[in-house]
Structures are given as structure tokens and as C-alpha cells.
Amino acid sequence: VPVIVEDLGGWREMPGSWRVKDRWDQAYWTARLARNEELRTSVVDDARMQVALHARAETLWAGWQEVFRKVISNECNRNPQTPVPVAG
């Protein structure tokens, strides 16, 4: 499912997402996607390809293991420069 969000930070490379400048731009692209099945399919197919290329299970699991290791070792609290993982 394509996702349309305002450009306010977050994961800029998220497959299947469009970052827009304001709510009017968001409304425009939402309406365009709603009426254009070919465009929706294209966005979803591209996202699927990007995930297959860059989000292999082994790579993702290694990243999560590192996050868990830091949380368990309390490393995030000792180094204020290390970002604390946030759910959501």
C-alpha cells in the first residue's frame, strides 16, 4: 500500500512512500493514487523490489540484534550521542 506523509523527518528511504510538502500536496497525491490503479501498482511493485534488494532477513535481524545488545547493556543510557530506539 503506498504511503503519503508530510516531509517531517523519519525514514526518508521507506519503500512505497511519498513525502509531500503540505496537506494540500498530500490530498492531491492521495486522490491521484485513488483514481490511478496503474500508478498504485507501480509504486507497490517498486517498493517490493526495493525491499527484496535491501531488506534481507539476515541483514534486518543483525541490525535488531545490535539494538537489543545496546539496550540490554544499557549502552544507550551511557552515551548521550547514541540515539535511543523508539517504537512506532
PDB file of N, CA and C in Angstrom:
ATOM      1  N   VAL A   1       0.852  -1.174   0.000  1.00  0.00           N
ATOM      2  CA  VAL A   1       0.000   0.000   0.000  1.00  0.00           C
ATOM      3  C   VAL A   1       0.898   1.238   0.000  1.00  0.00           C
ATOM      4  N   PRO A   2       0.737   2.116  -0.956  1.00  0.00           N
ATOM      5  CA  PRO A   2       1.524   3.353  -0.958  1.00  0.00           C
ATOM      6  C   PRO A   2       1.186   4.220   0.258  1.00  0.00           C
ATOM      7  N   VAL A   3       2.190   4.876   0.788  1.00  0.00           N
ATOM      8  CA  VAL A   3       2.027   5.732   1.955  1.00  0.00           C
ATOM      9  C   VAL A   3       2.409   7.155   1.562  1.00  0.00           C
ATOM     10  N   ILE A   4       1.568   8.114   1.912  1.00  0.00           N
ATOM     11  CA  ILE A   4       1.841   9.517   1.618  1.00  0.00           C
ATOM     12  C   ILE A   4       1.919  10.247   2.952  1.00  0.00           C
ATOM     13  N   VAL A   5       3.068  10.861   3.233  1.00  0.00           N
ATOM     14  CA  VAL A   5       3.270  11.542   4.509  1.00  0.00           C
ATOM     15  C   VAL A   5       3.914  12.900   4.285  1.00  0.00           C
ATOM     16  N   GLU A   6       3.687  13.810   5.231  1.00  0.00           N
ATOM     17  CA  GLU A   6       4.359  15.103   5.160  1.00  0.00           C
ATOM     18  C   GLU A   6       5.834  14.905   5.446  1.00  0.00           C
ATOM     19  N   ASP A   7       6.661  15.706   4.816  1.00  0.00           N
ATOM     20  CA  ASP A   7       8.114  15.598   4.925  1.00  0.00           C
ATOM     21  C   ASP A   7       8.589  16.230   6.235  1.00  0.00           C
ATOM     22  N   LEU A   8       8.434  15.477   7.311  1.00  0.00           N
ATOM     23  CA  LEU A   8       8.769  15.982   8.635  1.00  0.00           C
ATOM     24  C   LEU A   8       9.800  15.115   9.341  1.00  0.00           C
ATOM     25  N   GLY A   9      10.686  14.490   8.607  1.00  0.00           N
ATOM     26  CA  GLY A   9      11.686  13.618   9.215  1.00  0.00           C
ATOM     27  C   GLY A   9      11.309  12.167   9.030  1.00  0.00           C
ATOM     28  N   GLY A  10      11.921  11.315   9.807  1.00  0.00           N
ATOM     29  CA  GLY A  10      11.615   9.895   9.698  1.00  0.00           C
ATOM     30  C   GLY A  10      12.488   9.197   8.670  1.00  0.00           C
ATOM     31  N   TRP A  11      12.039   8.050   8.253  1.00  0.00           N
ATOM     32  CA  TRP A  11      12.801   7.197   7.342  1.00  0.00           C
ATOM     33  C   TRP A  11      12.565   7.654   5.914  1.00  0.00           C
ATOM     34  N   ARG A  12      13.482   8.416   5.363  1.00  0.00           N
ATOM     35  CA  ARG A  12      13.321   9.011   4.041  1.00  0.00           C
ATOM     36  C   ARG A  12      13.330   7.990   2.909  1.00  0.00           C
ATOM     37  N   GLU A  13      13.966   6.872   3.133  1.00  0.00           N
ATOM     38  CA  GLU A  13      14.090   5.876   2.071  1.00  0.00           C
ATOM     39  C   GLU A  13      13.035   4.782   2.160  1.00  0.00           C
ATOM     40  N   MET A  14      11.982   4.985   2.923  1.00  0.00           N
ATOM     41  CA  MET A  14      10.985   3.944   3.098  1.00  0.00           C
ATOM     42  C   MET A  14      10.333   3.604   1.759  1.00  0.00           C
ATOM     43  N   PRO A  15      10.453   2.348   1.342  1.00  0.00           N
ATOM     44  CA  PRO A  15       9.856   1.947   0.063  1.00  0.00           C
ATOM     45  C   PRO A  15       8.343   2.137   0.062  1.00  0.00           C
ATOM     46  N   GLY A  16       7.829   2.606  -1.056  1.00  0.00           N
ATOM     47  CA  GLY A  16       6.384   2.755  -1.201  1.00  0.00           C
ATOM     48  C   GLY A  16       5.814   3.998  -0.568  1.00  0.00           C
ATOM     49  N   SER A  17       6.695   4.948  -0.222  1.00  0.00           N
ATOM     50  CA  SER A  17       6.188   6.162   0.415  1.00  0.00           C
ATOM     51  C   SER A  17       6.520   7.392  -0.412  1.00  0.00           C
ATOM     52  N   TRP A  18       5.658   8.384  -0.303  1.00  0.00           N
ATOM     53  CA  TRP A  18       5.888   9.689  -0.912  1.00  0.00           C
ATOM     54  C   TRP A  18       5.879  10.708   0.195  1.00  0.00           C
ATOM     55  N   ARG A  19       6.861  11.574   0.173  1.00  0.00           N
ATOM     56  CA  ARG A  19       6.934  12.660   1.147  1.00  0.00           C
ATOM     57  C   ARG A  19       6.458  13.923   0.449  1.00  0.00           C
ATOM     58  N   VAL A  20       5.513  14.594   1.064  1.00  0.00           N
ATOM     59  CA  VAL A  20       4.919  15.783   0.447  1.00  0.00           C
ATOM     60  C   VAL A  20       5.147  16.997   1.343  1.00  0.00           C
ATOM     61  N   LYS A  21       5.016  18.194   0.754  1.00  0.00           N
ATOM     62  CA  LYS A  21       5.353  19.423   1.487  1.00  0.00           C
ATOM     63  C   LYS A  21       4.256  19.911   2.425  1.00  0.00           C
ATOM     64  N   ASP A  22       3.001  19.598   2.117  1.00  0.00           N
ATOM     65  CA  ASP A  22       1.909  20.090   2.965  1.00  0.00           C
ATOM     66  C   ASP A  22       0.669  19.233   2.753  1.00  0.00           C
ATOM     67  N   ARG A  23      -0.397  19.555   3.477  1.00  0.00           N
ATOM     68  CA  ARG A  23      -1.607  18.727   3.399  1.00  0.00           C
ATOM     69  C   ARG A  23      -2.313  18.838   2.053  1.00  0.00           C
ATOM     70  N   TRP A  24      -2.146  19.968   1.354  1.00  0.00           N
ATOM     71  CA  TRP A  24      -2.754  20.119   0.031  1.00  0.00           C
ATOM     72  C   TRP A  24      -2.081  19.181  -0.965  1.00  0.00           C
ATOM     73  N   ASP A  25      -0.752  19.098  -0.886  1.00  0.00           N
ATOM     74  CA  ASP A  25       0.004  18.176  -1.722  1.00  0.00           C
ATOM     75  C   ASP A  25      -0.375  16.736  -1.375  1.00  0.00           C
ATOM     76  N   GLN A  26      -0.556  16.492  -0.089  1.00  0.00           N
ATOM     77  CA  GLN A  26      -0.961  15.159   0.363  1.00  0.00           C
ATOM     78  C   GLN A  26      -2.331  14.796  -0.196  1.00  0.00           C
ATOM     79  N   ALA A  27      -3.263  15.729  -0.179  1.00  0.00           N
ATOM     80  CA  ALA A  27      -4.601  15.471  -0.719  1.00  0.00           C
ATOM     81  C   ALA A  27      -4.536  15.208  -2.224  1.00  0.00           C
ATOM     82  N   TYR A  28      -3.711  15.976  -2.923  1.00  0.00           N
ATOM     83  CA  TYR A  28      -3.573  15.800  -4.365  1.00  0.00           C
ATOM     84  C   TYR A  28      -3.082  14.390  -4.695  1.00  0.00           C
ATOM     85  N   TRP A  29      -1.986  13.971  -4.044  1.00  0.00           N
ATOM     86  CA  TRP A  29      -1.417  12.656  -4.355  1.00  0.00           C
ATOM     87  C   TRP A  29      -2.310  11.514  -3.883  1.00  0.00           C
ATOM     88  N   THR A  30      -3.010  11.706  -2.786  1.00  0.00           N
ATOM     89  CA  THR A  30      -3.953  10.678  -2.326  1.00  0.00           C
ATOM     90  C   THR A  30      -5.061  10.482  -3.364  1.00  0.00           C
ATOM     91  N   ALA A  31      -5.604  11.586  -3.858  1.00  0.00           N
ATOM     92  CA  ALA A  31      -6.657  11.498  -4.878  1.00  0.00           C
ATOM     93  C   ALA A  31      -6.123  10.884  -6.160  1.00  0.00           C
ATOM     94  N   ARG A  32      -4.928  11.273  -6.546  1.00  0.00           N
ATOM     95  CA  ARG A  32      -4.340  10.721  -7.781  1.00  0.00           C
ATOM     96  C   ARG A  32      -4.130   9.216  -7.660  1.00  0.00           C
ATOM     97  N   LEU A  33      -3.614   8.769  -6.524  1.00  0.00           N
ATOM     98  CA  LEU A  33      -3.437   7.331  -6.309  1.00  0.00           C
ATOM     99  C   LEU A  33      -4.772   6.600  -6.275  1.00  0.00           C
ATOM    100  N   ALA A  34      -5.769   7.212  -5.673  1.00  0.00           N
ATOM    101  CA  ALA A  34      -7.084   6.580  -5.570  1.00  0.00           C
ATOM    102  C   ALA A  34      -7.698   6.337  -6.946  1.00  0.00           C
ATOM    103  N   ARG A  35      -7.414   7.211  -7.897  1.00  0.00           N
ATOM    104  CA  ARG A  35      -8.014   7.092  -9.235  1.00  0.00           C
ATOM    105  C   ARG A  35      -7.145   6.366 -10.253  1.00  0.00           C
ATOM    106  N   ASN A  36      -5.895   6.058  -9.899  1.00  0.00           N
ATOM    107  CA  ASN A  36      -4.973   5.518 -10.895  1.00  0.00           C
ATOM    108  C   ASN A  36      -4.389   4.186 -10.432  1.00  0.00           C
ATOM    109  N   GLU A  37      -5.022   3.112 -10.824  1.00  0.00           N
ATOM    110  CA  GLU A  37      -4.574   1.782 -10.400  1.00  0.00           C
ATOM    111  C   GLU A  37      -3.177   1.466 -10.919  1.00  0.00           C
ATOM    112  N   GLU A  38      -2.860   1.884 -12.117  1.00  0.00           N
ATOM    113  CA  GLU A  38      -1.538   1.626 -12.690  1.00  0.00           C
ATOM    114  C   GLU A  38      -0.444   2.299 -11.845  1.00  0.00           C
ATOM    115  N   LEU A  39      -0.690   3.510 -11.402  1.00  0.00           N
ATOM    116  CA  LEU A  39       0.265   4.217 -10.551  1.00  0.00           C
ATOM    117  C   LEU A  39       0.428   3.497  -9.215  1.00  0.00           C
ATOM    118  N   ARG A  40      -0.681   3.100  -8.594  1.00  0.00           N
ATOM    119  CA  ARG A  40      -0.617   2.356  -7.324  1.00  0.00           C
ATOM    120  C   ARG A  40       0.187   1.080  -7.486  1.00  0.00           C
ATOM    121  N   THR A  41      -0.107   0.342  -8.548  1.00  0.00           N
ATOM    122  CA  THR A  41       0.600  -0.914  -8.796  1.00  0.00           C
ATOM    123  C   THR A  41       2.089  -0.668  -8.996  1.00  0.00           C
ATOM    124  N   SER A  42       2.426   0.381  -9.718  1.00  0.00           N
ATOM    125  CA  SER A  42       3.822   0.719  -9.970  1.00  0.00           C
ATOM    126  C   SER A  42       4.565   1.032  -8.669  1.00  0.00           C
ATOM    127  N   VAL A  43       3.931   1.804  -7.798  1.00  0.00           N
ATOM    128  CA  VAL A  43       4.549   2.158  -6.513  1.00  0.00           C
ATOM    129  C   VAL A  43       4.759   0.910  -5.668  1.00  0.00           C
ATOM    130  N   VAL A  44       3.768   0.063  -5.609  1.00  0.00           N
ATOM    131  CA  VAL A  44       3.858  -1.166  -4.810  1.00  0.00           C
ATOM    132  C   VAL A  44       4.909  -2.104  -5.382  1.00  0.00           C
ATOM    133  N   ASP A  45       4.952  -2.268  -6.696  1.00  0.00           N
ATOM    134  CA  ASP A  45       5.953  -3.138  -7.319  1.00  0.00           C
ATOM    135  C   ASP A  45       7.365  -2.630  -7.064  1.00  0.00           C
ATOM    136  N   ASP A  46       7.543  -1.304  -7.159  1.00  0.00           N
ATOM    137  CA  ASP A  46       8.861  -0.725  -6.890  1.00  0.00           C
ATOM    138  C   ASP A  46       9.262  -0.941  -5.433  1.00  0.00           C
ATOM    139  N   ALA A  47       8.323  -0.756  -4.518  1.00  0.00           N
ATOM    140  CA  ALA A  47       8.613  -0.968  -3.095  1.00  0.00           C
ATOM    141  C   ALA A  47       8.987  -2.421  -2.835  1.00  0.00           C
ATOM    142  N   ARG A  48       8.272  -3.342  -3.446  1.00  0.00           N
ATOM    143  CA  ARG A  48       8.562  -4.766  -3.283  1.00  0.00           C
ATOM    144  C   ARG A  48       9.978  -5.081  -3.759  1.00  0.00           C
ATOM    145  N   MET A  49      10.375  -4.501  -4.887  1.00  0.00           N
ATOM    146  CA  MET A  49      11.715  -4.716  -5.426  1.00  0.00           C
ATOM    147  C   MET A  49      12.780  -4.134  -4.481  1.00  0.00           C
ATOM    148  N   GLN A  50      12.541  -2.929  -3.963  1.00  0.00           N
ATOM    149  CA  GLN A  50      13.494  -2.300  -3.051  1.00  0.00           C
ATOM    150  C   GLN A  50      13.665  -3.118  -1.775  1.00  0.00           C
ATOM    151  N   VAL A  51      12.577  -3.627  -1.246  1.00  0.00           N
ATOM    152  CA  VAL A  51      12.652  -4.445  -0.040  1.00  0.00           C
ATOM    153  C   VAL A  51      13.430  -5.728  -0.330  1.00  0.00           C
ATOM    154  N   ALA A  52      13.163  -6.357  -1.465  1.00  0.00           N
ATOM    155  CA  ALA A  52      13.871  -7.593  -1.824  1.00  0.00           C
ATOM    156  C   ALA A  52      15.375  -7.351  -1.968  1.00  0.00           C
ATOM    157  N   LEU A  53      15.745  -6.185  -2.484  1.00  0.00           N
ATOM    158  CA  LEU A  53      17.158  -5.881  -2.690  1.00  0.00           C
ATOM    159  C   LEU A  53      17.882  -5.488  -1.403  1.00  0.00           C
ATOM    160  N   HIS A  54      17.198  -4.747  -0.540  1.00  0.00           N
ATOM    161  CA  HIS A  54      17.892  -4.122   0.582  1.00  0.00           C
ATOM    162  C   HIS A  54      17.489  -4.605   1.963  1.00  0.00           C
ATOM    163  N   ALA A  55      16.425  -5.317   2.080  1.00  0.00           N
ATOM    164  CA  ALA A  55      15.934  -5.694   3.411  1.00  0.00           C
ATOM    165  C   ALA A  55      15.889  -7.208   3.563  1.00  0.00           C
ATOM    166  N   ARG A  56      17.020  -7.809   3.396  1.00  0.00           N
ATOM    167  CA  ARG A  56      17.090  -9.262   3.587  1.00  0.00           C
ATOM    168  C   ARG A  56      16.931  -9.580   5.080  1.00  0.00           C
ATOM    169  N   ALA A  57      16.320 -10.697   5.362  1.00  0.00           N
ATOM    170  CA  ALA A  57      16.038 -11.072   6.752  1.00  0.00           C
ATOM    171  C   ALA A  57      17.311 -11.096   7.598  1.00  0.00           C
ATOM    172  N   GLU A  58      18.396 -11.607   7.044  1.00  0.00           N
ATOM    173  CA  GLU A  58      19.645 -11.704   7.803  1.00  0.00           C
ATOM    174  C   GLU A  58      20.166 -10.312   8.173  1.00  0.00           C
ATOM    175  N   THR A  59      20.089  -9.384   7.244  1.00  0.00           N
ATOM    176  CA  THR A  59      20.558  -8.027   7.498  1.00  0.00           C
ATOM    177  C   THR A  59      19.691  -7.342   8.543  1.00  0.00           C
ATOM    178  N   LEU A  60      18.379  -7.473   8.401  1.00  0.00           N
ATOM    179  CA  LEU A  60      17.470  -6.863   9.374  1.00  0.00           C
ATOM    180  C   LEU A  60      17.675  -7.445  10.767  1.00  0.00           C
ATOM    181  N   TRP A  61      17.812  -8.761  10.841  1.00  0.00           N
ATOM    182  CA  TRP A  61      17.982  -9.403  12.136  1.00  0.00           C
ATOM    183  C   TRP A  61      19.290  -8.961  12.785  1.00  0.00           C
ATOM    184  N   ALA A  62      20.358  -8.818  12.009  1.00  0.00           N
ATOM    185  CA  ALA A  62      21.635  -8.355  12.557  1.00  0.00           C
ATOM    186  C   ALA A  62      21.483  -6.950  13.138  1.00  0.00           C
ATOM    187  N   GLY A  63      20.745  -6.090  12.454  1.00  0.00           N
ATOM    188  CA  GLY A  63      20.511  -4.736  12.964  1.00  0.00           C
ATOM    189  C   GLY A  63      19.723  -4.740  14.262  1.00  0.00           C
ATOM    190  N   TRP A  64      18.671  -5.556  14.324  1.00  0.00           N
ATOM    191  CA  TRP A  64      17.878  -5.642  15.553  1.00  0.00           C
ATOM    192  C   TRP A  64      18.700  -6.230  16.694  1.00  0.00           C
ATOM    193  N   GLN A  65      19.546  -7.215  16.407  1.00  0.00           N
ATOM    194  CA  GLN A  65      20.395  -7.783  17.456  1.00  0.00           C
ATOM    195  C   GLN A  65      21.299  -6.711  18.056  1.00  0.00           C
ATOM    196  N   GLU A  66      21.808  -5.820  17.211  1.00  0.00           N
ATOM    197  CA  GLU A  66      22.651  -4.730  17.695  1.00  0.00           C
ATOM    198  C   GLU A  66      21.844  -3.772  18.584  1.00  0.00           C
ATOM    199  N   VAL A  67      20.635  -3.453  18.183  1.00  0.00           N
ATOM    200  CA  VAL A  67      19.768  -2.599  19.009  1.00  0.00           C
ATOM    201  C   VAL A  67      19.520  -3.264  20.361  1.00  0.00           C
ATOM    202  N   PHE A  68      19.155  -4.549  20.343  1.00  0.00           N
ATOM    203  CA  PHE A  68      18.885  -5.266  21.594  1.00  0.00           C
ATOM    204  C   PHE A  68      20.134  -5.328  22.466  1.00  0.00           C
ATOM    205  N   ARG A  69      21.290  -5.564  21.848  1.00  0.00           N
ATOM    206  CA  ARG A  69      22.548  -5.635  22.607  1.00  0.00           C
ATOM    207  C   ARG A  69      22.793  -4.308  23.332  1.00  0.00           C
ATOM    208  N   LYS A  70      22.581  -3.191  22.634  1.00  0.00           N
ATOM    209  CA  LYS A  70      22.802  -1.881  23.243  1.00  0.00           C
ATOM    210  C   LYS A  70      21.816  -1.610  24.374  1.00  0.00           C
ATOM    211  N   VAL A  71      20.560  -1.980  24.176  1.00  0.00           N
ATOM    212  CA  VAL A  71      19.552  -1.767  25.212  1.00  0.00           C
ATOM    213  C   VAL A  71      19.867  -2.618  26.438  1.00  0.00           C
ATOM    214  N   ILE A  72      20.177  -3.885  26.211  1.00  0.00           N
ATOM    215  CA  ILE A  72      20.462  -4.788  27.325  1.00  0.00           C
ATOM    216  C   ILE A  72      21.711  -4.346  28.076  1.00  0.00           C
ATOM    217  N   SER A  73      22.729  -3.880  27.361  1.00  0.00           N
ATOM    218  CA  SER A  73      23.965  -3.467  28.020  1.00  0.00           C
ATOM    219  C   SER A  73      23.879  -2.043  28.570  1.00  0.00           C
ATOM    220  N   ASN A  74      22.722  -1.402  28.351  1.00  0.00           N
ATOM    221  CA  ASN A  74      22.489  -0.039  28.830  1.00  0.00           C
ATOM    222  C   ASN A  74      23.405   0.968  28.139  1.00  0.00           C
ATOM    223  N   GLU A  75      23.936   0.598  27.002  1.00  0.00           N
ATOM    224  CA  GLU A  75      24.855   1.463  26.274  1.00  0.00           C
ATOM    225  C   GLU A  75      24.189   2.765  25.840  1.00  0.00           C
ATOM    226  N   CYS A  76      22.926   2.708  25.508  1.00  0.00           N
ATOM    227  CA  CYS A  76      22.223   3.912  25.064  1.00  0.00           C
ATOM    228  C   CYS A  76      22.186   4.961  26.160  1.00  0.00           C
ATOM    229  N   ASN A  77      22.045   4.545  27.407  1.00  0.00           N
ATOM    230  CA  ASN A  77      21.956   5.496  28.513  1.00  0.00           C
ATOM    231  C   ASN A  77      23.306   6.055  28.914  1.00  0.00           C
ATOM    232  N   ARG A  78      24.396   5.343  28.618  1.00  0.00           N
ATOM    233  CA  ARG A  78      25.721   5.824  28.986  1.00  0.00           C
ATOM    234  C   ARG A  78      26.286   6.795  27.967  1.00  0.00           C
ATOM    235  N   ASN A  79      25.852   6.706  26.699  1.00  0.00           N
ATOM    236  CA  ASN A  79      26.390   7.557  25.657  1.00  0.00           C
ATOM    237  C   ASN A  79      25.265   8.445  25.120  1.00  0.00           C
ATOM    238  N   PRO A  80      25.245   9.717  25.507  1.00  0.00           N
ATOM    239  CA  PRO A  80      24.142  10.579  25.078  1.00  0.00           C
ATOM    240  C   PRO A  80      24.101  10.813  23.578  1.00  0.00           C
ATOM    241  N   GLN A  81      25.163  10.514  22.851  1.00  0.00           N
ATOM    242  CA  GLN A  81      25.182  10.686  21.415  1.00  0.00           C
ATOM    243  C   GLN A  81      24.491   9.529  20.676  1.00  0.00           C
ATOM    244  N   THR A  82      24.293   8.407  21.360  1.00  0.00           N
ATOM    245  CA  THR A  82      23.646   7.250  20.751  1.00  0.00           C
ATOM    246  C   THR A  82      22.148   7.426  20.803  1.00  0.00           C
ATOM    247  N   PRO A  83      21.470   7.416  19.634  1.00  0.00           N
ATOM    248  CA  PRO A  83      20.015   7.566  19.655  1.00  0.00           C
ATOM    249  C   PRO A  83      19.344   6.367  20.301  1.00  0.00           C
ATOM    250  N   VAL A  84      18.333   6.626  21.069  1.00  0.00           N
ATOM    251  CA  VAL A  84      17.578   5.573  21.718  1.00  0.00           C
ATOM    252  C   VAL A  84      16.504   5.090  20.751  1.00  0.00           C
ATOM    253  N   PRO A  85      16.418   3.770  20.510  1.00  0.00           N
ATOM    254  CA  PRO A  85      15.380   3.261  19.611  1.00  0.00           C
ATOM    255  C   PRO A  85      13.983   3.574  20.168  1.00  0.00           C
ATOM    256  N   VAL A  86      13.101   4.013  19.281  1.00  0.00           N
ATOM    257  CA  VAL A  86      11.737   4.342  19.669  1.00  0.00           C
ATOM    258  C   VAL A  86      10.775   3.539  18.801  1.00  0.00           C
ATOM    259  N   ALA A  87       9.836   2.891  19.427  1.00  0.00           N
ATOM    260  CA  ALA A  87       8.833   2.124  18.686  1.00  0.00           C
ATOM    261  C   ALA A  87       7.834   3.071  18.058  1.00  0.00           C
ATOM    262  N   GLY A  88       7.309   2.640  16.899  1.00  0.00           N
ATOM    263  CA  GLY A  88       6.217   3.392  16.363  1.00  0.00           C
ATOM    264  C   GLY A  88       6.471   4.002  15.070  1.00  0.00           C
TER     265      GLY A  88
END
